[in-house]
Amino acid sequence: MSSTQNTYLLVVNGKPEGPFTIDELKARRVRFADFVKTEAMDDYKEAHEVAELRELFGFQKQVLLQYYGSFDQRATAAFVDWLIVSAVCIIPSFAITLFITDKLIGLGLALSLFALIPVVNLIYHIVMESSPKQATYGKQLLKLKVCDMQGARLSPTLAAKRNLAKLLSVLTLFVGYLFTFFNKQQQCLHDMVAGTLVIKDRL
């Protein structure tokens, strides 16, 4: 295989070194759990998470076993997201009541926007969690990402399944959210149903 592919920064003893070519990584005997990064990557990843390195080095993609988002981190992110979505709906509601002279009609339209908050929140989560960032703005603030069981980005379909499954967590009187305290991967009920994880950036 030619060494004219991507060059990688490699974390050695906690510090990035390089960039190294593929041949130089081979000479250094890079391991599947070593952290690497190309110029095109937003953050460091373990070598087994990079498709090119898996192919060249024969790594098996590992199931993520650590760095999970905690309950309080996830709750804080959810609170921030509700504030963002609510603001998006509430600000136009106030504008409507100010500019529509018929107060009854204005109030009806404003209340309609309030009622759309859960729908807007659902769409927002699906779009953001299946985006390249893999996270809503609240999760990004807490350095959290949503992924599948192998750490890969969610498809829009899987993101929709995860967020619709939150109804189960709610219908269990929110007990589904407490599942995070009773499993090693800190999954809520909806994560278990969808086969997803919430992980925290490692570096």
C-alpha atoms as a PDB file:
ATOM      1  CA  MET A   1       0.000   0.000   0.000  1.00  0.00           C
ATOM      2  CA  SER A   2       1.366   3.410  -0.945  1.00  0.00           C
ATOM      3  CA  SER A   3       2.382   5.790   1.828  1.00  0.00           C
ATOM      4  CA  THR A   4       0.907   8.770  -0.059  1.00  0.00           C
ATOM      5  CA  GLN A   5      -2.328   8.618   1.914  1.00  0.00           C
ATOM      6  CA  ASN A   6      -3.369  10.678   4.890  1.00  0.00           C
ATOM      7  CA  THR A   7      -0.760  11.654   7.417  1.00  0.00           C
ATOM      8  CA  TYR A   8      -1.667  11.286  11.080  1.00  0.00           C
ATOM      9  CA  LEU A   9      -0.831  12.963  14.330  1.00  0.00           C
ATOM     10  CA  LEU A  10      -0.220  10.270  16.951  1.00  0.00           C
ATOM     11  CA  VAL A  11      -0.621  10.730  20.696  1.00  0.00           C
ATOM     12  CA  VAL A  12       2.503   9.438  22.458  1.00  0.00           C
ATOM     13  CA  ASN A  13       2.715   9.661  26.257  1.00  0.00           C
ATOM     14  CA  GLY A  14      -0.214  12.075  26.276  1.00  0.00           C
ATOM     15  CA  LYS A  15       1.243  14.456  23.665  1.00  0.00           C
ATOM     16  CA  PRO A  16       0.573  14.647  19.901  1.00  0.00           C
ATOM     17  CA  GLU A  17       3.554  13.875  17.652  1.00  0.00           C
ATOM     18  CA  GLY A  18       3.931  13.857  13.890  1.00  0.00           C
ATOM     19  CA  PRO A  19       2.374  13.976  11.394  1.00  0.00           C
ATOM     20  CA  PHE A  20       3.344  10.457  10.343  1.00  0.00           C
ATOM     21  CA  THR A  21       2.769   8.627   7.081  1.00  0.00           C
ATOM     22  CA  ILE A  22       1.180   5.175   7.034  1.00  0.00           C
ATOM     23  CA  ASP A  23       4.622   3.580   6.683  1.00  0.00           C
ATOM     24  CA  GLU A  24       5.886   5.545   9.678  1.00  0.00           C
ATOM     25  CA  LEU A  25       2.866   4.417  11.727  1.00  0.00           C
ATOM     26  CA  LYS A  26       3.681   0.824  10.774  1.00  0.00           C
ATOM     27  CA  ALA A  27       7.276   1.326  11.916  1.00  0.00           C
ATOM     28  CA  ARG A  28       5.982   2.657  15.236  1.00  0.00           C
ATOM     29  CA  ARG A  29       3.714  -0.376  15.559  1.00  0.00           C
ATOM     30  CA  VAL A  30       0.616   1.693  16.144  1.00  0.00           C
ATOM     31  CA  ARG A  31      -1.987  -0.156  18.244  1.00  0.00           C
ATOM     32  CA  PHE A  32      -5.744  -0.236  17.821  1.00  0.00           C
ATOM     33  CA  ALA A  33      -6.297   1.941  20.925  1.00  0.00           C
ATOM     34  CA  ASP A  34      -3.726   4.631  20.042  1.00  0.00           C
ATOM     35  CA  PHE A  35      -5.201   8.074  19.422  1.00  0.00           C
ATOM     36  CA  VAL A  36      -4.711   9.503  15.939  1.00  0.00           C
ATOM     37  CA  LYS A  37      -5.925  12.512  13.961  1.00  0.00           C
ATOM     38  CA  THR A  38      -5.701  13.815  10.393  1.00  0.00           C
ATOM     39  CA  GLU A  39      -6.110  17.434   9.337  1.00  0.00           C
ATOM     40  CA  ALA A  40      -9.648  16.626   8.156  1.00  0.00           C
ATOM     41  CA  MET A  41     -10.745  15.144  11.497  1.00  0.00           C
ATOM     42  CA  ASP A  42     -12.395  17.353  14.130  1.00  0.00           C
ATOM     43  CA  ASP A  43     -10.974  15.393  17.052  1.00  0.00           C
ATOM     44  CA  TYR A  44      -8.689  12.501  17.909  1.00  0.00           C
ATOM     45  CA  LYS A  45      -9.993   8.962  17.464  1.00  0.00           C
ATOM     46  CA  GLU A  46      -8.692   5.557  18.457  1.00  0.00           C
ATOM     47  CA  ALA A  47      -6.978   3.899  15.486  1.00  0.00           C
ATOM     48  CA  HIS A  48      -9.619   1.168  15.226  1.00  0.00           C
ATOM     49  CA  GLU A  49     -12.290   3.858  14.693  1.00  0.00           C
ATOM     50  CA  VAL A  50     -10.616   5.042  11.446  1.00  0.00           C
ATOM     51  CA  ALA A  51     -11.696   2.955   8.442  1.00  0.00           C
ATOM     52  CA  GLU A  52      -8.403   3.441   6.561  1.00  0.00           C
ATOM     53  CA  LEU A  53      -6.321   2.211   9.494  1.00  0.00           C
ATOM     54  CA  ARG A  54      -8.626  -0.741  10.144  1.00  0.00           C
ATOM     55  CA  GLU A  55      -8.138  -1.829   6.537  1.00  0.00           C
ATOM     56  CA  LEU A  56      -4.378  -1.324   6.482  1.00  0.00           C
ATOM     57  CA  PHE A  57      -3.555  -2.735   9.923  1.00  0.00           C
ATOM     58  CA  GLY A  58      -6.272  -5.370  10.202  1.00  0.00           C
ATOM     59  CA  PHE A  59      -7.764  -3.844  13.342  1.00  0.00           C
ATOM     60  CA  GLN A  60     -11.171  -5.007  14.486  1.00  0.00           C
ATOM     61  CA  LYS A  61     -13.560  -2.210  15.317  1.00  0.00           C
ATOM     62  CA  GLN A  62     -13.975  -2.319  19.075  1.00  0.00           C
ATOM     63  CA  VAL A  63     -17.180  -1.747  21.017  1.00  0.00           C
ATOM     64  CA  LEU A  64     -16.781   1.390  23.109  1.00  0.00           C
ATOM     65  CA  LEU A  65     -16.526   0.550  26.793  1.00  0.00           C
ATOM     66  CA  GLN A  66     -15.727   3.814  28.504  1.00  0.00           C
ATOM     67  CA  TYR A  67     -16.032   7.599  28.443  1.00  0.00           C
ATOM     68  CA  TYR A  68     -19.819   7.559  28.679  1.00  0.00           C
ATOM     69  CA  GLY A  69     -21.850  10.683  29.364  1.00  0.00           C
ATOM     70  CA  SER A  70     -23.094  10.721  32.963  1.00  0.00           C
ATOM     71  CA  PHE A  71     -26.705  11.314  34.021  1.00  0.00           C
ATOM     72  CA  ASP A  72     -26.010  14.847  35.251  1.00  0.00           C
ATOM     73  CA  GLN A  73     -24.147  15.786  32.068  1.00  0.00           C
ATOM     74  CA  ARG A  74     -26.988  14.476  29.926  1.00  0.00           C
ATOM     75  CA  ALA A  75     -29.611  16.220  32.070  1.00  0.00           C
ATOM     76  CA  THR A  76     -27.738  19.526  31.816  1.00  0.00           C
ATOM     77  CA  ALA A  77     -27.453  19.156  28.023  1.00  0.00           C
ATOM     78  CA  ALA A  78     -31.179  18.376  27.785  1.00  0.00           C
ATOM     79  CA  PHE A  79     -32.013  21.474  29.825  1.00  0.00           C
ATOM     80  CA  VAL A  80     -29.888  23.671  27.547  1.00  0.00           C
ATOM     81  CA  ASP A  81     -31.550  22.164  24.472  1.00  0.00           C
ATOM     82  CA  TRP A  82     -35.046  22.795  25.853  1.00  0.00           C
ATOM     83  CA  LEU A  83     -34.079  26.430  26.480  1.00  0.00           C
ATOM     84  CA  ILE A  84     -32.833  26.773  22.895  1.00  0.00           C
ATOM     85  CA  VAL A  85     -35.900  25.137  21.331  1.00  0.00           C
ATOM     86  CA  SER A  86     -38.288  27.012  23.617  1.00  0.00           C
ATOM     87  CA  ALA A  87     -36.655  30.329  22.710  1.00  0.00           C
ATOM     88  CA  VAL A  88     -37.039  29.533  19.006  1.00  0.00           C
ATOM     89  CA  CYS A  89     -40.786  29.046  19.549  1.00  0.00           C
ATOM     90  CA  ILE A  90     -41.476  31.643  22.255  1.00  0.00           C
ATOM     91  CA  ILE A  91     -39.824  34.652  20.588  1.00  0.00           C
ATOM     92  CA  PRO A  92     -42.080  34.440  17.487  1.00  0.00           C
ATOM     93  CA  SER A  93     -45.039  33.946  19.849  1.00  0.00           C
ATOM     94  CA  PHE A  94     -44.367  37.278  21.526  1.00  0.00           C
ATOM     95  CA  ALA A  95     -43.876  38.930  18.138  1.00  0.00           C
ATOM     96  CA  ILE A  96     -47.273  37.634  17.010  1.00  0.00           C
ATOM     97  CA  THR A  97     -49.065  39.037  20.047  1.00  0.00           C
ATOM     98  CA  LEU A  98     -47.398  42.418  19.487  1.00  0.00           C
ATOM     99  CA  PHE A  99     -48.131  42.801  15.782  1.00  0.00           C
ATOM    100  CA  ILE A 100     -51.549  41.168  15.346  1.00  0.00           C
ATOM    101  CA  THR A 101     -54.286  43.596  16.334  1.00  0.00           C
ATOM    102  CA  ASP A 102     -56.917  40.915  16.903  1.00  0.00           C
ATOM    103  CA  LYS A 103     -55.835  39.720  20.349  1.00  0.00           C
ATOM    104  CA  LEU A 104     -57.843  36.493  20.199  1.00  0.00           C
ATOM    105  CA  ILE A 105     -56.280  35.437  16.901  1.00  0.00           C
ATOM    106  CA  GLY A 106     -52.831  36.501  18.135  1.00  0.00           C
ATOM    107  CA  LEU A 107     -53.237  34.487  21.304  1.00  0.00           C
ATOM    108  CA  GLY A 108     -54.366  31.442  19.341  1.00  0.00           C
ATOM    109  CA  LEU A 109     -51.350  31.609  17.020  1.00  0.00           C
ATOM    110  CA  ALA A 110     -48.995  32.151  19.959  1.00  0.00           C
ATOM    111  CA  LEU A 111     -50.383  29.123  21.799  1.00  0.00           C
ATOM    112  CA  SER A 112     -50.042  27.072  18.618  1.00  0.00           C
ATOM    113  CA  LEU A 113     -46.336  27.852  18.537  1.00  0.00           C
ATOM    114  CA  PHE A 114     -46.038  26.830  22.195  1.00  0.00           C
ATOM    115  CA  ALA A 115     -47.713  23.527  21.335  1.00  0.00           C
ATOM    116  CA  LEU A 116     -45.120  22.927  18.608  1.00  0.00           C
ATOM    117  CA  ILE A 117     -42.217  22.922  21.092  1.00  0.00           C
ATOM    118  CA  PRO A 118     -42.152  19.091  21.520  1.00  0.00           C
ATOM    119  CA  VAL A 119     -42.309  18.582  17.732  1.00  0.00           C
ATOM    120  CA  VAL A 120     -39.560  21.135  17.072  1.00  0.00           C
ATOM    121  CA  ASN A 121     -37.500  19.531  19.850  1.00  0.00           C
ATOM    122  CA  LEU A 122     -37.886  16.090  18.247  1.00  0.00           C
ATOM    123  CA  ILE A 123     -36.842  17.318  14.799  1.00  0.00           C
ATOM    124  CA  TYR A 124     -33.946  19.305  16.291  1.00  0.00           C
ATOM    125  CA  HIS A 125     -32.571  16.238  18.088  1.00  0.00           C
ATOM    126  CA  ILE A 126     -32.902  13.979  15.041  1.00  0.00           C
ATOM    127  CA  VAL A 127     -31.154  16.463  12.739  1.00  0.00           C
ATOM    128  CA  MET A 128     -28.360  17.363  15.159  1.00  0.00           C
ATOM    129  CA  GLU A 129     -27.618  13.836  16.430  1.00  0.00           C
ATOM    130  CA  SER A 130     -27.310  12.500  12.856  1.00  0.00           C
ATOM    131  CA  SER A 131     -25.155  15.470  11.786  1.00  0.00           C
ATOM    132  CA  PRO A 132     -21.330  15.325  11.544  1.00  0.00           C
ATOM    133  CA  LYS A 133     -21.180  16.828  15.070  1.00  0.00           C
ATOM    134  CA  GLN A 134     -23.299  13.889  16.381  1.00  0.00           C
ATOM    135  CA  ALA A 135     -24.755  16.147  19.040  1.00  0.00           C
ATOM    136  CA  THR A 136     -27.229  18.878  19.840  1.00  0.00           C
ATOM    137  CA  TYR A 137     -25.865  22.252  20.941  1.00  0.00           C
ATOM    138  CA  GLY A 138     -26.470  21.280  24.568  1.00  0.00           C
ATOM    139  CA  LYS A 139     -24.454  18.088  24.143  1.00  0.00           C
ATOM    140  CA  GLN A 140     -21.719  19.936  22.274  1.00  0.00           C
ATOM    141  CA  LEU A 141     -21.439  22.335  25.217  1.00  0.00           C
ATOM    142  CA  LEU A 142     -20.916  19.342  27.539  1.00  0.00           C
ATOM    143  CA  LYS A 143     -18.553  17.619  25.048  1.00  0.00           C
ATOM    144  CA  LEU A 144     -20.998  14.754  24.496  1.00  0.00           C
ATOM    145  CA  LYS A 145     -21.764  12.817  21.315  1.00  0.00           C
ATOM    146  CA  VAL A 146     -24.415  10.283  20.354  1.00  0.00           C
ATOM    147  CA  CYS A 147     -23.252   7.192  18.461  1.00  0.00           C
ATOM    148  CA  ASP A 148     -24.165   3.588  17.726  1.00  0.00           C
ATOM    149  CA  MET A 149     -22.675   0.689  19.693  1.00  0.00           C
ATOM    150  CA  GLN A 150     -19.467   0.835  17.621  1.00  0.00           C
ATOM    151  CA  GLY A 151     -19.029   4.587  17.975  1.00  0.00           C
ATOM    152  CA  ALA A 152     -20.259   5.427  14.471  1.00  0.00           C
ATOM    153  CA  ARG A 153     -22.415   8.398  13.537  1.00  0.00           C
ATOM    154  CA  LEU A 154     -26.171   7.777  13.656  1.00  0.00           C
ATOM    155  CA  SER A 155     -28.197   7.621  10.467  1.00  0.00           C
ATOM    156  CA  PRO A 156     -31.290   9.865  10.435  1.00  0.00           C
ATOM    157  CA  THR A 157     -33.409   6.711  10.792  1.00  0.00           C
ATOM    158  CA  LEU A 158     -31.536   5.538  13.884  1.00  0.00           C
ATOM    159  CA  ALA A 159     -31.590   9.054  15.357  1.00  0.00           C
ATOM    160  CA  ALA A 160     -35.365   9.129  14.828  1.00  0.00           C
ATOM    161  CA  LYS A 161     -35.730   5.702  16.465  1.00  0.00           C
ATOM    162  CA  ARG A 162     -33.712   6.846  19.481  1.00  0.00           C
ATOM    163  CA  ASN A 163     -35.699  10.019  19.990  1.00  0.00           C
ATOM    164  CA  LEU A 164     -39.103   8.435  19.430  1.00  0.00           C
ATOM    165  CA  ALA A 165     -38.110   5.744  21.951  1.00  0.00           C
ATOM    166  CA  LYS A 166     -37.810   8.512  24.545  1.00  0.00           C
ATOM    167  CA  LEU A 167     -41.588   8.194  24.825  1.00  0.00           C
ATOM    168  CA  LEU A 168     -40.938   4.870  26.569  1.00  0.00           C
ATOM    169  CA  SER A 169     -38.607   6.558  29.039  1.00  0.00           C
ATOM    170  CA  VAL A 170     -41.290   9.173  29.722  1.00  0.00           C
ATOM    171  CA  LEU A 171     -44.221   6.728  29.893  1.00  0.00           C
ATOM    172  CA  THR A 172     -42.389   4.745  32.580  1.00  0.00           C
ATOM    173  CA  LEU A 173     -42.761   7.873  34.759  1.00  0.00           C
ATOM    174  CA  PHE A 174     -39.214   8.820  33.739  1.00  0.00           C
ATOM    175  CA  VAL A 175     -37.824   5.610  35.267  1.00  0.00           C
ATOM    176  CA  GLY A 176     -36.396   4.856  31.823  1.00  0.00           C
ATOM    177  CA  TYR A 177     -33.952   7.725  32.303  1.00  0.00           C
ATOM    178  CA  LEU A 178     -32.749   6.183  35.564  1.00  0.00           C
ATOM    179  CA  PHE A 179     -31.613   3.037  33.746  1.00  0.00           C
ATOM    180  CA  THR A 180     -28.350   4.915  33.224  1.00  0.00           C
ATOM    181  CA  PHE A 181     -27.429   4.189  36.853  1.00  0.00           C
ATOM    182  CA  PHE A 182     -27.790   0.426  36.446  1.00  0.00           C
ATOM    183  CA  ASN A 183     -25.721  -0.513  33.388  1.00  0.00           C
ATOM    184  CA  LYS A 184     -22.038  -0.116  32.604  1.00  0.00           C
ATOM    185  CA  GLN A 185     -22.636   1.783  29.389  1.00  0.00           C
ATOM    186  CA  GLN A 186     -24.910   4.290  31.161  1.00  0.00           C
ATOM    187  CA  GLN A 187     -27.717   3.822  28.633  1.00  0.00           C
ATOM    188  CA  CYS A 188     -31.201   5.151  29.259  1.00  0.00           C
ATOM    189  CA  LEU A 189     -34.111   2.935  28.218  1.00  0.00           C
ATOM    190  CA  HIS A 190     -34.395   4.661  24.837  1.00  0.00           C
ATOM    191  CA  ASP A 191     -30.667   4.079  24.195  1.00  0.00           C
ATOM    192  CA  MET A 192     -31.099   0.389  24.941  1.00  0.00           C
ATOM    193  CA  VAL A 193     -34.078   0.168  22.582  1.00  0.00           C
ATOM    194  CA  ALA A 194     -32.287   1.976  19.751  1.00  0.00           C
ATOM    195  CA  GLY A 195     -28.812   0.509  20.350  1.00  0.00           C
ATOM    196  CA  THR A 196     -27.118   3.864  20.936  1.00  0.00           C
ATOM    197  CA  LEU A 197     -24.614   5.374  23.341  1.00  0.00           C
ATOM    198  CA  VAL A 198     -23.877   8.852  24.651  1.00  0.00           C
ATOM    199  CA  ILE A 199     -20.121   9.226  24.920  1.00  0.00           C
ATOM    200  CA  LYS A 200     -17.847  11.994  26.138  1.00  0.00           C
ATOM    201  CA  ASP A 201     -14.940  13.353  24.125  1.00  0.00           C
ATOM    202  CA  ARG A 202     -11.773  11.800  25.458  1.00  0.00           C
ATOM    203  CA  LEU A 203      -9.108  14.428  24.738  1.00  0.00           C
END
